[in-house]
Structure formats: structure tokens, C-alpha cells
Amino acid sequence: MAMKNQLPLVLEKTLAVSDRPDAVFNALLPVLGEVLQCDRCFLYLRDPETRMGRVPYCWRSSNRYPEIYDPDWKKEPDTLAKEDPLFAAALRTEDSIFVEDIETADPKIVNRDFEREQFGHRALIHAHICKDNLLWGILQPCIFARPRVWTDTDRAIVNRVVKRIAPMAIAYINAFGPNFDFSTKEKSNT
């Protein structure tokens, strides 16, 4: 169990597995998913300057849950913040949002139809990875078939993890952002 200002030891060890963001993110999602007892956990990373993003990391507790994975950087639709109040809140760098049930959530906070269509989950954490009033990513643990009450411990864990991974997310985007050419493994000049 996490104390107010501490993470469970398994998460501390996972976050210290490497100084490379890729290694940390690959190791983190399954551990975080198990600690939170989630069905799926994915990480969306974005370049706030270009508004391009991708989902390079996704963990699922079972293959029966849909994988959210996108290897390519894509421009965020101009209408996304209007369609998705959770994303709009993230862009405003508001605190992370813990949704216990999309079916009963306030429509000003959650667009139920959008969540059903795009993600298929029932309960979720929309954890905003922010620095200097910019959104760099979203960590999203979720549950599928049932609502979920997110405990104070769950909230503390997620908030601590997000603070710890924010510098890694920024380093990842700076190193492998939208201009990164994976075929040559070096930054593109175009």
C-alpha cells in the first residue's frame, strides 16, 4: 500500500529500472496495471508544439481487451477538445480525472458516447502528464465491464507516477518526437 508521499516498492523499483524512458515505460505499464488491478493501461505521448501524438505503450491484463496502440505520430483532430471533455481538461492542464462510471458521469466531464466508441471502457483514470502548463501525455488505466471506485490510494499512486514520469515523457518526445525517422534511427531534418 502506498503512503501519501510514497509509491509501492514494486513501482519504485520499476521507475528505477533504467534512465531510458522507453525501458521505463515498457516496464511500468504492466506493473501499474497490476497494482491498480486494471484491465488495460496505455500511455499517449504528444508534442504540445506540433499537437501530434501517438500511443507507443499499451498493457492489457488479457487479450480480450482491445489494444490501444499507434506507432505513428498523428495530428490531433481540431475537433478533439470539443468532442472529448476529458481531453479538453487535459489541454487546460487540469488535475487528472478519475471516472468511476462513464454511464453515470457528468456529461460536462465525460462524453459517454465518445468513450464507448473510441475506448470501450467503463471506468478510467485520465492522468494528465503536464509540465510548464503544457500537456505532454496522458496515462490511462481503465476497467471494462464494471464501474470502479478509485480509492485515495489509487489516486495517490497515479498522481505520484505522473509526476515521476513527466520528465521521461518530455525526454522521449524530445528524442523520438514527430520528426524522428525510425528508418534511420536519427532525427530527420525535414
N, C-alpha and C. Protein backbone atom coordinates (compact mmCIF):
# COMPACT_ATOMS: atom_id res chain seq x y z
N MET A 1 0.84 -1.19 0.00
CA MET A 1 0.00 0.00 0.00
C MET A 1 0.89 1.25 0.00
N ALA A 2 0.47 2.25 -0.73
CA ALA A 2 1.26 3.48 -0.84
C ALA A 2 0.91 4.42 0.30
N MET A 3 1.93 5.01 0.84
CA MET A 3 1.72 6.07 1.82
C MET A 3 1.43 7.33 1.01
N LYS A 4 1.05 8.38 1.68
CA LYS A 4 0.67 9.61 0.99
C LYS A 4 1.74 10.10 0.02
N ASN A 5 3.00 10.05 0.41
CA ASN A 5 4.06 10.58 -0.44
C ASN A 5 4.99 9.50 -0.97
N GLN A 6 4.59 8.25 -0.89
CA GLN A 6 5.44 7.17 -1.36
C GLN A 6 4.67 6.27 -2.31
N LEU A 7 5.43 5.62 -3.17
CA LEU A 7 4.86 4.63 -4.07
C LEU A 7 5.13 3.23 -3.50
N PRO A 8 4.32 2.25 -3.89
CA PRO A 8 4.66 0.88 -3.51
C PRO A 8 6.06 0.54 -4.03
N LEU A 9 6.77 -0.28 -3.30
CA LEU A 9 8.15 -0.63 -3.65
C LEU A 9 8.27 -1.16 -5.07
N VAL A 10 7.33 -1.96 -5.51
CA VAL A 10 7.39 -2.52 -6.86
C VAL A 10 7.37 -1.42 -7.91
N LEU A 11 6.63 -0.35 -7.67
CA LEU A 11 6.63 0.78 -8.61
C LEU A 11 7.91 1.58 -8.52
N GLU A 12 8.42 1.78 -7.31
CA GLU A 12 9.71 2.48 -7.15
C GLU A 12 10.80 1.74 -7.93
N LYS A 13 10.84 0.42 -7.78
CA LYS A 13 11.85 -0.37 -8.48
C LYS A 13 11.66 -0.28 -10.00
N THR A 14 10.43 -0.29 -10.43
CA THR A 14 10.14 -0.22 -11.87
C THR A 14 10.57 1.12 -12.45
N LEU A 15 10.29 2.20 -11.73
CA LEU A 15 10.67 3.53 -12.21
C LEU A 15 12.18 3.72 -12.22
N ALA A 16 12.90 2.90 -11.47
CA ALA A 16 14.35 2.99 -11.41
C ALA A 16 15.05 1.96 -12.31
N VAL A 17 14.27 1.25 -13.12
CA VAL A 17 14.82 0.16 -13.93
C VAL A 17 15.86 0.65 -14.95
N SER A 18 15.73 1.91 -15.36
CA SER A 18 16.62 2.42 -16.40
C SER A 18 16.55 3.94 -16.40
N ASP A 19 17.49 4.58 -17.08
CA ASP A 19 17.38 6.02 -17.29
C ASP A 19 16.81 6.31 -18.69
N ARG A 20 16.48 5.24 -19.42
CA ARG A 20 15.88 5.38 -20.76
C ARG A 20 14.35 5.35 -20.64
N PRO A 21 13.66 6.38 -21.10
CA PRO A 21 12.20 6.41 -20.99
C PRO A 21 11.54 5.16 -21.59
N ASP A 22 12.02 4.70 -22.74
CA ASP A 22 11.42 3.54 -23.38
C ASP A 22 11.42 2.32 -22.46
N ALA A 23 12.54 2.07 -21.82
CA ALA A 23 12.65 0.92 -20.91
C ALA A 23 11.73 1.09 -19.70
N VAL A 24 11.67 2.30 -19.17
CA VAL A 24 10.81 2.55 -18.01
C VAL A 24 9.34 2.38 -18.39
N PHE A 25 8.91 2.96 -19.51
CA PHE A 25 7.50 2.87 -19.90
C PHE A 25 7.09 1.43 -20.19
N ASN A 26 7.96 0.68 -20.87
CA ASN A 26 7.66 -0.74 -21.14
C ASN A 26 7.51 -1.53 -19.85
N ALA A 27 8.33 -1.23 -18.86
CA ALA A 27 8.27 -1.94 -17.58
C ALA A 27 7.12 -1.44 -16.71
N LEU A 28 6.82 -0.16 -16.79
CA LEU A 28 5.86 0.47 -15.89
C LEU A 28 4.41 0.04 -16.11
N LEU A 29 3.97 0.01 -17.35
CA LEU A 29 2.54 -0.21 -17.59
C LEU A 29 2.02 -1.53 -17.01
N PRO A 30 2.70 -2.66 -17.21
CA PRO A 30 2.18 -3.88 -16.60
C PRO A 30 2.18 -3.84 -15.07
N VAL A 31 3.19 -3.25 -14.49
CA VAL A 31 3.25 -3.18 -13.03
C VAL A 31 2.16 -2.26 -12.49
N LEU A 32 2.01 -1.10 -13.10
CA LEU A 32 0.96 -0.18 -12.68
C LEU A 32 -0.43 -0.80 -12.87
N GLY A 33 -0.62 -1.47 -14.00
CA GLY A 33 -1.90 -2.14 -14.25
C GLY A 33 -2.23 -3.17 -13.18
N GLU A 34 -1.24 -3.91 -12.77
CA GLU A 34 -1.46 -4.91 -11.71
C GLU A 34 -1.66 -4.27 -10.35
N VAL A 35 -0.88 -3.23 -10.03
CA VAL A 35 -1.04 -2.56 -8.75
C VAL A 35 -2.45 -1.96 -8.64
N LEU A 36 -2.93 -1.36 -9.73
CA LEU A 36 -4.27 -0.74 -9.74
C LEU A 36 -5.38 -1.75 -10.04
N GLN A 37 -5.01 -2.98 -10.36
CA GLN A 37 -5.96 -4.03 -10.73
C GLN A 37 -6.87 -3.56 -11.87
N CYS A 38 -6.22 -3.13 -12.95
CA CYS A 38 -6.92 -2.63 -14.13
C CYS A 38 -6.95 -3.69 -15.22
N ASP A 39 -7.77 -3.42 -16.22
CA ASP A 39 -7.85 -4.30 -17.39
C ASP A 39 -6.88 -3.87 -18.49
N ARG A 40 -6.67 -2.56 -18.58
CA ARG A 40 -5.76 -2.04 -19.61
C ARG A 40 -5.14 -0.75 -19.09
N CYS A 41 -3.93 -0.49 -19.56
CA CYS A 41 -3.26 0.76 -19.22
C CYS A 41 -2.44 1.16 -20.45
N PHE A 42 -2.68 2.36 -20.95
CA PHE A 42 -1.89 2.82 -22.08
C PHE A 42 -1.35 4.22 -21.83
N LEU A 43 -0.33 4.56 -22.60
CA LEU A 43 0.33 5.85 -22.48
C LEU A 43 0.28 6.55 -23.83
N TYR A 44 -0.37 7.70 -23.85
CA TYR A 44 -0.42 8.56 -25.03
C TYR A 44 0.60 9.66 -24.82
N LEU A 45 1.50 9.83 -25.76
CA LEU A 45 2.51 10.88 -25.69
C LEU A 45 2.28 11.87 -26.83
N ARG A 46 2.50 13.15 -26.55
CA ARG A 46 2.23 14.17 -27.56
C ARG A 46 3.25 15.29 -27.50
N ASP A 47 3.46 15.90 -28.65
CA ASP A 47 4.31 17.07 -28.75
C ASP A 47 3.37 18.28 -28.68
N PRO A 48 3.43 19.06 -27.60
CA PRO A 48 2.49 20.17 -27.47
C PRO A 48 2.69 21.26 -28.53
N GLU A 49 3.87 21.35 -29.09
CA GLU A 49 4.14 22.36 -30.11
C GLU A 49 3.46 22.00 -31.43
N THR A 50 3.58 20.75 -31.86
CA THR A 50 3.02 20.33 -33.14
C THR A 50 1.60 19.76 -33.01
N ARG A 51 1.18 19.45 -31.77
CA ARG A 51 -0.11 18.80 -31.50
C ARG A 51 -0.20 17.45 -32.22
N MET A 52 0.94 16.76 -32.26
CA MET A 52 0.98 15.41 -32.81
C MET A 52 1.22 14.45 -31.66
N GLY A 53 0.56 13.30 -31.74
CA GLY A 53 0.69 12.33 -30.66
C GLY A 53 0.64 10.91 -31.17
N ARG A 54 0.96 10.00 -30.26
CA ARG A 54 0.91 8.58 -30.57
C ARG A 54 0.78 7.80 -29.27
N VAL A 55 0.37 6.53 -29.40
CA VAL A 55 0.28 5.62 -28.26
C VAL A 55 1.31 4.52 -28.47
N PRO A 56 2.52 4.71 -27.94
CA PRO A 56 3.57 3.71 -28.14
C PRO A 56 3.58 2.58 -27.11
N TYR A 57 2.77 2.71 -26.04
CA TYR A 57 2.80 1.71 -24.97
C TYR A 57 1.39 1.36 -24.53
N CYS A 58 1.11 0.07 -24.50
CA CYS A 58 -0.19 -0.40 -24.04
C CYS A 58 -0.01 -1.76 -23.38
N TRP A 59 -0.59 -1.92 -22.20
CA TRP A 59 -0.61 -3.20 -21.48
C TRP A 59 -2.06 -3.61 -21.30
N ARG A 60 -2.31 -4.89 -21.45
CA ARG A 60 -3.65 -5.44 -21.21
C ARG A 60 -3.52 -6.65 -20.31
N SER A 61 -4.43 -6.80 -19.37
CA SER A 61 -4.38 -7.95 -18.48
C SER A 61 -4.80 -9.22 -19.21
N SER A 62 -5.46 -9.06 -20.34
CA SER A 62 -5.94 -10.19 -21.14
C SER A 62 -6.12 -9.73 -22.58
N ASN A 63 -5.98 -10.67 -23.51
CA ASN A 63 -6.20 -10.35 -24.92
C ASN A 63 -7.65 -10.03 -25.25
N ARG A 64 -8.55 -10.29 -24.32
CA ARG A 64 -9.97 -9.99 -24.60
C ARG A 64 -10.26 -8.48 -24.59
N TYR A 65 -9.31 -7.70 -24.05
CA TYR A 65 -9.48 -6.25 -24.04
C TYR A 65 -8.78 -5.65 -25.25
N PRO A 66 -9.42 -4.68 -25.91
CA PRO A 66 -8.82 -4.10 -27.11
C PRO A 66 -7.51 -3.38 -26.81
N GLU A 67 -6.58 -3.55 -27.71
CA GLU A 67 -5.29 -2.88 -27.58
C GLU A 67 -5.39 -1.48 -28.18
N ILE A 68 -4.85 -0.54 -27.46
CA ILE A 68 -4.73 0.82 -27.97
C ILE A 68 -3.25 1.01 -28.25
N TYR A 69 -2.90 1.05 -29.49
CA TYR A 69 -1.50 1.19 -29.87
C TYR A 69 -1.45 1.89 -31.22
N ASP A 70 -0.60 2.87 -31.33
CA ASP A 70 -0.43 3.57 -32.59
C ASP A 70 1.04 3.94 -32.73
N PRO A 71 1.76 3.26 -33.62
CA PRO A 71 3.19 3.52 -33.75
C PRO A 71 3.51 4.84 -34.46
N ASP A 72 2.54 5.41 -35.15
CA ASP A 72 2.80 6.60 -35.95
C ASP A 72 2.32 7.87 -35.25
N TRP A 73 3.11 8.93 -35.41
CA TRP A 73 2.69 10.24 -34.91
C TRP A 73 1.58 10.76 -35.80
N LYS A 74 0.50 11.24 -35.18
CA LYS A 74 -0.63 11.78 -35.93
C LYS A 74 -1.06 13.11 -35.34
N LYS A 75 -1.50 13.97 -36.22
CA LYS A 75 -2.03 15.27 -35.79
C LYS A 75 -3.33 15.04 -35.03
N GLU A 76 -3.47 15.71 -33.90
CA GLU A 76 -4.71 15.62 -33.15
C GLU A 76 -5.81 16.34 -33.92
N PRO A 77 -6.98 15.74 -34.06
CA PRO A 77 -8.07 16.42 -34.77
C PRO A 77 -8.40 17.76 -34.10
N ASP A 78 -8.68 18.76 -34.90
CA ASP A 78 -9.03 20.08 -34.37
C ASP A 78 -10.28 20.02 -33.50
N THR A 79 -11.14 19.04 -33.75
CA THR A 79 -12.40 18.93 -33.01
C THR A 79 -12.28 18.10 -31.73
N LEU A 80 -11.11 17.53 -31.46
CA LEU A 80 -10.97 16.61 -30.34
C LEU A 80 -11.36 17.23 -29.00
N ALA A 81 -10.92 18.42 -28.71
CA ALA A 81 -11.24 19.06 -27.43
C ALA A 81 -12.74 19.34 -27.30
N LYS A 82 -13.41 19.55 -28.43
CA LYS A 82 -14.87 19.77 -28.39
C LYS A 82 -15.62 18.46 -28.18
N GLU A 83 -15.11 17.39 -28.78
CA GLU A 83 -15.75 16.07 -28.67
C GLU A 83 -15.49 15.40 -27.33
N ASP A 84 -14.32 15.65 -26.78
CA ASP A 84 -13.86 14.92 -25.60
C ASP A 84 -13.54 15.88 -24.46
N PRO A 85 -14.47 16.05 -23.51
CA PRO A 85 -14.21 16.97 -22.40
C PRO A 85 -13.01 16.55 -21.54
N LEU A 86 -12.71 15.24 -21.49
CA LEU A 86 -11.54 14.79 -20.74
C LEU A 86 -10.26 15.33 -21.39
N PHE A 87 -10.20 15.28 -22.71
CA PHE A 87 -9.03 15.79 -23.42
C PHE A 87 -8.95 17.32 -23.27
N ALA A 88 -10.09 17.99 -23.32
CA ALA A 88 -10.11 19.44 -23.14
C ALA A 88 -9.54 19.80 -21.76
N ALA A 89 -9.92 19.05 -20.73
CA ALA A 89 -9.39 19.30 -19.38
C ALA A 89 -7.89 19.05 -19.35
N ALA A 90 -7.44 18.03 -20.04
CA ALA A 90 -6.00 17.74 -20.10
C ALA A 90 -5.25 18.89 -20.78
N LEU A 91 -5.80 19.39 -21.87
CA LEU A 91 -5.16 20.53 -22.56
C LEU A 91 -5.06 21.76 -21.67
N ARG A 92 -6.04 21.90 -20.77
CA ARG A 92 -6.01 23.02 -19.81
C ARG A 92 -5.09 22.71 -18.63
N THR A 93 -4.44 21.56 -18.68
CA THR A 93 -3.53 21.04 -17.64
C THR A 93 -4.20 20.99 -16.26
N GLU A 94 -5.47 20.62 -16.27
CA GLU A 94 -6.18 20.41 -15.01
C GLU A 94 -5.70 19.13 -14.36
N ASP A 95 -6.06 18.95 -13.10
CA ASP A 95 -5.70 17.73 -12.39
C ASP A 95 -6.26 16.52 -13.12
N SER A 96 -5.62 15.38 -12.92
CA SER A 96 -6.09 14.12 -13.50
C SER A 96 -7.53 13.86 -13.05
N ILE A 97 -8.26 13.15 -13.90
CA ILE A 97 -9.68 12.89 -13.64
C ILE A 97 -9.89 11.39 -13.45
N PHE A 98 -10.58 11.05 -12.38
CA PHE A 98 -10.86 9.66 -12.02
C PHE A 98 -12.35 9.42 -12.24
N VAL A 99 -12.67 8.66 -13.30
CA VAL A 99 -14.06 8.41 -13.68
C VAL A 99 -14.45 7.03 -13.18
N GLU A 100 -15.42 6.99 -12.28
CA GLU A 100 -15.85 5.72 -11.71
C GLU A 100 -16.79 4.96 -12.63
N ASP A 101 -17.57 5.67 -13.44
CA ASP A 101 -18.51 5.02 -14.34
C ASP A 101 -18.89 6.00 -15.44
N ILE A 102 -18.52 5.70 -16.69
CA ILE A 102 -18.86 6.63 -17.78
C ILE A 102 -20.37 6.73 -17.96
N GLU A 103 -21.09 5.69 -17.54
CA GLU A 103 -22.55 5.68 -17.71
C GLU A 103 -23.26 6.71 -16.83
N THR A 104 -22.67 7.04 -15.69
CA THR A 104 -23.31 7.97 -14.76
C THR A 104 -22.52 9.27 -14.57
N ALA A 105 -21.40 9.40 -15.24
CA ALA A 105 -20.55 10.59 -15.08
C ALA A 105 -21.24 11.83 -15.66
N ASP A 106 -20.90 12.96 -15.11
CA ASP A 106 -21.41 14.25 -15.58
C ASP A 106 -21.01 14.43 -17.05
N PRO A 107 -21.97 14.69 -17.94
CA PRO A 107 -21.64 14.88 -19.37
C PRO A 107 -20.73 16.08 -19.64
N LYS A 108 -20.59 16.98 -18.69
CA LYS A 108 -19.65 18.08 -18.85
C LYS A 108 -18.22 17.59 -18.66
N ILE A 109 -18.07 16.43 -18.02
CA ILE A 109 -16.74 15.86 -17.77
C ILE A 109 -16.43 14.72 -18.73
N VAL A 110 -17.45 13.92 -19.05
CA VAL A 110 -17.25 12.72 -19.88
C VAL A 110 -18.29 12.67 -21.00
N ASN A 111 -17.83 12.51 -22.22
CA ASN A 111 -18.72 12.26 -23.35
C ASN A 111 -18.86 10.74 -23.45
N ARG A 112 -19.93 10.22 -22.88
CA ARG A 112 -20.15 8.77 -22.78
C ARG A 112 -20.06 8.09 -24.14
N ASP A 113 -20.70 8.65 -25.15
CA ASP A 113 -20.69 8.03 -26.48
C ASP A 113 -19.28 8.00 -27.06
N PHE A 114 -18.54 9.08 -26.89
CA PHE A 114 -17.16 9.14 -27.38
C PHE A 114 -16.31 8.07 -26.68
N GLU A 115 -16.43 7.96 -25.37
CA GLU A 115 -15.66 6.96 -24.62
C GLU A 115 -16.02 5.54 -25.05
N ARG A 116 -17.30 5.28 -25.22
CA ARG A 116 -17.73 3.93 -25.67
C ARG A 116 -17.13 3.61 -27.04
N GLU A 117 -17.29 4.56 -27.96
CA GLU A 117 -16.86 4.33 -29.35
C GLU A 117 -15.34 4.24 -29.49
N GLN A 118 -14.63 5.14 -28.85
CA GLN A 118 -13.18 5.21 -29.03
C GLN A 118 -12.41 4.22 -28.16
N PHE A 119 -12.90 3.95 -26.95
CA PHE A 119 -12.11 3.18 -25.99
C PHE A 119 -12.79 1.94 -25.44
N GLY A 120 -14.10 1.94 -25.33
CA GLY A 120 -14.83 0.77 -24.88
C GLY A 120 -14.79 0.50 -23.39
N HIS A 121 -14.16 1.35 -22.61
CA HIS A 121 -14.05 1.10 -21.18
C HIS A 121 -15.26 1.63 -20.42
N ARG A 122 -15.35 1.23 -19.16
CA ARG A 122 -16.46 1.66 -18.30
C ARG A 122 -15.99 2.64 -17.23
N ALA A 123 -14.81 2.38 -16.65
CA ALA A 123 -14.22 3.26 -15.65
C ALA A 123 -12.78 3.55 -16.08
N LEU A 124 -12.28 4.75 -15.77
CA LEU A 124 -10.94 5.09 -16.22
C LEU A 124 -10.32 6.17 -15.36
N ILE A 125 -9.02 6.25 -15.50
CA ILE A 125 -8.26 7.36 -14.95
C ILE A 125 -7.66 8.09 -16.15
N HIS A 126 -7.93 9.37 -16.24
CA HIS A 126 -7.39 10.22 -17.31
C HIS A 126 -6.30 11.05 -16.66
N ALA A 127 -5.09 10.49 -16.59
CA ALA A 127 -3.98 11.10 -15.86
C ALA A 127 -3.17 12.00 -16.78
N HIS A 128 -3.14 13.27 -16.47
CA HIS A 128 -2.53 14.28 -17.33
C HIS A 128 -1.06 14.47 -16.99
N ILE A 129 -0.22 14.27 -17.99
CA ILE A 129 1.22 14.45 -17.85
C ILE A 129 1.54 15.85 -18.35
N CYS A 130 1.78 16.75 -17.40
CA CYS A 130 1.94 18.16 -17.72
C CYS A 130 3.22 18.72 -17.12
N LYS A 131 3.73 19.72 -17.80
CA LYS A 131 4.89 20.46 -17.30
C LYS A 131 4.84 21.85 -17.92
N ASP A 132 5.05 22.88 -17.12
CA ASP A 132 5.05 24.27 -17.59
C ASP A 132 3.78 24.62 -18.36
N ASN A 133 2.64 24.20 -17.83
CA ASN A 133 1.32 24.47 -18.42
C ASN A 133 1.16 23.92 -19.83
N LEU A 134 1.87 22.83 -20.13
CA LEU A 134 1.74 22.15 -21.42
C LEU A 134 1.40 20.69 -21.16
N LEU A 135 0.55 20.14 -22.01
CA LEU A 135 0.20 18.72 -21.94
C LEU A 135 1.17 17.92 -22.80
N TRP A 136 1.88 16.98 -22.16
CA TRP A 136 2.86 16.14 -22.84
C TRP A 136 2.36 14.71 -23.03
N GLY A 137 1.31 14.34 -22.33
CA GLY A 137 0.80 12.99 -22.49
C GLY A 137 -0.35 12.70 -21.54
N ILE A 138 -0.91 11.50 -21.74
CA ILE A 138 -2.00 11.02 -20.89
C ILE A 138 -1.73 9.56 -20.58
N LEU A 139 -1.75 9.25 -19.30
CA LEU A 139 -1.67 7.87 -18.83
C LEU A 139 -3.09 7.44 -18.52
N GLN A 140 -3.51 6.29 -19.09
CA GLN A 140 -4.90 5.92 -18.92
C GLN A 140 -5.10 4.47 -18.49
N PRO A 141 -5.15 4.21 -17.19
CA PRO A 141 -5.59 2.91 -16.70
C PRO A 141 -7.12 2.84 -16.79
N CYS A 142 -7.66 1.64 -17.06
CA CYS A 142 -9.11 1.54 -17.17
C CYS A 142 -9.63 0.15 -16.81
N ILE A 143 -10.95 0.10 -16.63
CA ILE A 143 -11.70 -1.12 -16.33
C ILE A 143 -12.80 -1.21 -17.39
N PHE A 144 -13.14 -2.42 -17.80
CA PHE A 144 -14.12 -2.57 -18.89
C PHE A 144 -15.55 -2.88 -18.46
N ALA A 145 -15.81 -3.96 -17.84
CA ALA A 145 -17.17 -4.46 -17.71
C ALA A 145 -17.95 -3.90 -16.53
N ARG A 146 -17.31 -3.11 -15.70
CA ARG A 146 -17.99 -2.67 -14.48
C ARG A 146 -17.46 -1.30 -14.05
N PRO A 147 -18.24 -0.60 -13.23
CA PRO A 147 -17.73 0.64 -12.64
C PRO A 147 -16.59 0.32 -11.67
N ARG A 148 -15.88 1.36 -11.27
CA ARG A 148 -14.77 1.18 -10.33
C ARG A 148 -14.66 2.42 -9.46
N VAL A 149 -14.68 2.21 -8.17
CA VAL A 149 -14.42 3.30 -7.24
C VAL A 149 -12.91 3.40 -7.08
N TRP A 150 -12.35 4.55 -7.43
CA TRP A 150 -10.92 4.77 -7.31
C TRP A 150 -10.64 5.27 -5.90
N THR A 151 -9.85 4.52 -5.17
CA THR A 151 -9.58 4.83 -3.77
C THR A 151 -8.59 5.99 -3.64
N ASP A 152 -8.46 6.51 -2.43
CA ASP A 152 -7.46 7.54 -2.17
C ASP A 152 -6.06 7.01 -2.49
N THR A 153 -5.83 5.73 -2.21
CA THR A 153 -4.54 5.12 -2.51
C THR A 153 -4.30 5.08 -4.02
N ASP A 154 -5.32 4.67 -4.79
CA ASP A 154 -5.21 4.67 -6.25
C ASP A 154 -4.86 6.06 -6.76
N ARG A 155 -5.55 7.04 -6.25
CA ARG A 155 -5.34 8.43 -6.68
C ARG A 155 -3.92 8.90 -6.35
N ALA A 156 -3.47 8.59 -5.14
CA ALA A 156 -2.12 8.99 -4.73
C ALA A 156 -1.07 8.32 -5.60
N ILE A 157 -1.26 7.03 -5.89
CA ILE A 157 -0.30 6.30 -6.73
C ILE A 157 -0.23 6.94 -8.12
N VAL A 158 -1.37 7.15 -8.73
CA VAL A 158 -1.39 7.70 -10.10
C VAL A 158 -0.78 9.10 -10.12
N ASN A 159 -1.14 9.93 -9.17
CA ASN A 159 -0.59 11.29 -9.15
C ASN A 159 0.92 11.29 -8.95
N ARG A 160 1.42 10.40 -8.12
CA ARG A 160 2.88 10.29 -7.92
C ARG A 160 3.57 9.76 -9.18
N VAL A 161 2.98 8.75 -9.79
CA VAL A 161 3.58 8.18 -11.01
C VAL A 161 3.64 9.24 -12.11
N VAL A 162 2.56 9.98 -12.29
CA VAL A 162 2.52 11.00 -13.34
C VAL A 162 3.61 12.05 -13.12
N LYS A 163 3.79 12.48 -11.88
CA LYS A 163 4.86 13.45 -11.59
C LYS A 163 6.23 12.87 -11.91
N ARG A 164 6.42 11.60 -11.59
CA ARG A 164 7.72 10.97 -11.81
C ARG A 164 8.01 10.74 -13.28
N ILE A 165 6.98 10.43 -14.08
CA ILE A 165 7.25 10.12 -15.49
C ILE A 165 7.20 11.34 -16.40
N ALA A 166 6.75 12.49 -15.90
CA ALA A 166 6.67 13.68 -16.75
C ALA A 166 8.02 14.02 -17.39
N PRO A 167 9.12 14.06 -16.64
CA PRO A 167 10.41 14.36 -17.30
C PRO A 167 10.79 13.30 -18.33
N MET A 168 10.42 12.04 -18.08
CA MET A 168 10.73 10.97 -19.04
C MET A 168 9.89 11.13 -20.30
N ALA A 169 8.63 11.52 -20.15
CA ALA A 169 7.77 11.73 -21.32
C ALA A 169 8.33 12.85 -22.19
N ILE A 170 8.76 13.93 -21.55
CA ILE A 170 9.33 15.06 -22.29
C ILE A 170 10.63 14.63 -22.98
N ALA A 171 11.47 13.89 -22.29
CA ALA A 171 12.72 13.40 -22.89
C ALA A 171 12.42 12.49 -24.08
N TYR A 172 11.42 11.63 -23.94
CA TYR A 172 11.04 10.73 -25.03
C TYR A 172 10.61 11.56 -26.25
N ILE A 173 9.74 12.53 -26.03
CA ILE A 173 9.23 13.34 -27.14
C ILE A 173 10.36 14.16 -27.78
N ASN A 174 11.23 14.70 -26.95
CA ASN A 174 12.36 15.46 -27.50
C ASN A 174 13.30 14.57 -28.31
N ALA A 175 13.45 13.31 -27.91
CA ALA A 175 14.36 12.40 -28.63
C ALA A 175 13.68 11.70 -29.80
N PHE A 176 12.42 11.33 -29.63
CA PHE A 176 11.74 10.49 -30.63
C PHE A 176 10.44 11.11 -31.13
N GLY A 177 10.33 12.42 -31.07
CA GLY A 177 9.10 13.11 -31.44
C GLY A 177 8.72 12.95 -32.90
N PRO A 178 7.75 13.73 -33.34
CA PRO A 178 7.20 13.58 -34.70
C PRO A 178 8.23 13.67 -35.82
N ASN A 179 9.36 14.33 -35.60
CA ASN A 179 10.37 14.44 -36.65
C ASN A 179 11.38 13.30 -36.64
N PHE A 180 11.22 12.38 -35.69
CA PHE A 180 12.16 11.26 -35.60
C PHE A 180 11.93 10.30 -36.75
N ASP A 181 12.99 9.93 -37.44
CA ASP A 181 12.91 8.99 -38.56
C ASP A 181 13.35 7.61 -38.07
N PHE A 182 12.37 6.74 -37.83
CA PHE A 182 12.65 5.42 -37.28
C PHE A 182 13.44 4.56 -38.27
N SER A 183 13.38 4.87 -39.55
CA SER A 183 14.12 4.04 -40.51
C SER A 183 15.63 4.28 -40.44
N THR A 184 16.01 5.49 -40.03
CA THR A 184 17.44 5.78 -39.93
C THR A 184 17.90 5.90 -38.48
N LYS A 185 16.95 5.87 -37.53
CA LYS A 185 17.24 5.97 -36.10
C LYS A 185 17.91 7.27 -35.72
N GLU A 186 17.66 8.32 -36.49
CA GLU A 186 18.19 9.64 -36.10
C GLU A 186 17.16 10.69 -36.47
N LYS A 187 17.31 11.87 -35.88
CA LYS A 187 16.37 12.95 -36.16
C LYS A 187 16.37 13.32 -37.63
N SER A 188 15.17 13.48 -38.15
CA SER A 188 15.02 13.91 -39.55
C SER A 188 15.20 15.42 -39.64
N ASN A 189 15.73 15.87 -40.72
CA ASN A 189 15.89 17.31 -40.93
C ASN A 189 14.73 17.91 -41.68
N THR A 190 13.72 17.11 -41.97
CA THR A 190 12.58 17.64 -42.72
C THR A 190 11.45 18.02 -41.82
